[in-house]
Protein backbone atom coordinates (compact mmCIF):
# COMPACT_ATOMS: atom_id res chain seq x y z
CA UNK A 1 102.25 119.73 127.62
CA UNK A 2 106.08 119.12 127.98
CA UNK A 3 107.89 116.01 126.79
CA UNK A 4 108.52 115.03 130.34
CA UNK A 5 104.81 115.10 131.39
CA UNK A 6 103.11 111.81 131.99
CA UNK A 7 100.63 110.91 129.36
CA UNK A 8 99.86 107.55 130.74
CA UNK A 9 99.67 107.49 134.39
CA UNK A 10 98.96 103.73 134.57
CA UNK A 11 102.18 102.79 132.82
CA UNK A 12 103.98 106.00 133.79
CA UNK A 13 104.82 106.84 130.17
CA UNK A 14 105.77 110.37 129.10
CA UNK A 15 104.53 112.39 126.25
CA UNK A 16 108.16 112.32 124.83
CA UNK A 17 108.25 108.49 124.90
CA UNK A 18 105.01 108.47 122.86
CA UNK A 19 106.39 111.06 120.40
CA UNK A 20 109.59 109.19 120.00
CA UNK A 21 107.87 105.89 119.47
CA UNK A 22 105.62 107.56 116.75
CA UNK A 23 108.51 109.22 115.04
CA UNK A 24 111.00 106.43 115.10
CA UNK A 25 108.58 103.53 114.30
CA UNK A 26 106.44 105.61 111.90
CA UNK A 27 103.34 104.58 113.94
CA UNK A 28 100.03 105.67 112.46
CA UNK A 29 97.28 104.18 114.93
CA UNK A 30 96.51 104.16 118.63
CA UNK A 31 96.78 100.42 118.51
CA UNK A 32 100.32 100.52 117.11
CA UNK A 33 101.38 103.04 119.88
CA UNK A 34 99.69 100.71 122.51
CA UNK A 35 101.68 97.73 121.07
CA UNK A 36 104.90 99.65 121.06
CA UNK A 37 104.71 101.61 124.35
CA UNK A 38 101.89 99.95 126.49
CA UNK A 39 100.35 103.43 126.83
CA UNK A 40 96.57 103.36 126.88
CA UNK A 41 96.39 99.56 127.67
CA UNK A 42 95.15 99.73 131.14
CA UNK A 43 92.36 102.13 131.70
CA UNK A 44 92.32 103.89 128.33
CA UNK A 45 92.11 107.43 129.81
CA UNK A 46 94.97 108.68 127.62
CA UNK A 47 93.87 107.17 124.35
CA UNK A 48 92.49 110.66 123.33
CA UNK A 49 95.83 112.15 123.99
CA UNK A 50 97.65 109.44 122.05
CA UNK A 51 95.33 109.99 119.16
CA UNK A 52 95.88 113.76 119.29
CA UNK A 53 99.70 113.23 119.24
CA UNK A 54 99.28 110.96 116.17
CA UNK A 55 97.39 113.74 114.51
CA UNK A 56 99.85 116.46 115.33
CA UNK A 57 102.84 114.23 114.22
CA UNK A 58 101.34 112.69 111.19
CA UNK A 59 98.66 115.14 110.22
CA UNK A 60 94.98 114.01 110.21
CA UNK A 61 94.97 110.31 110.66
């Protein structure tokens, strides 16, 4: 998945936007990502992808 790929189709949020929020704000939970980006707040289909990004960036959460 590239940074430009949409991770949250409901809110039209890219993987790169989520990665940047995690890195810049030192986010450690799906809920923090949701609060910061609104990704995963509508249908929830991308929550697993968000969790996976958190693990990749922060190590096992």
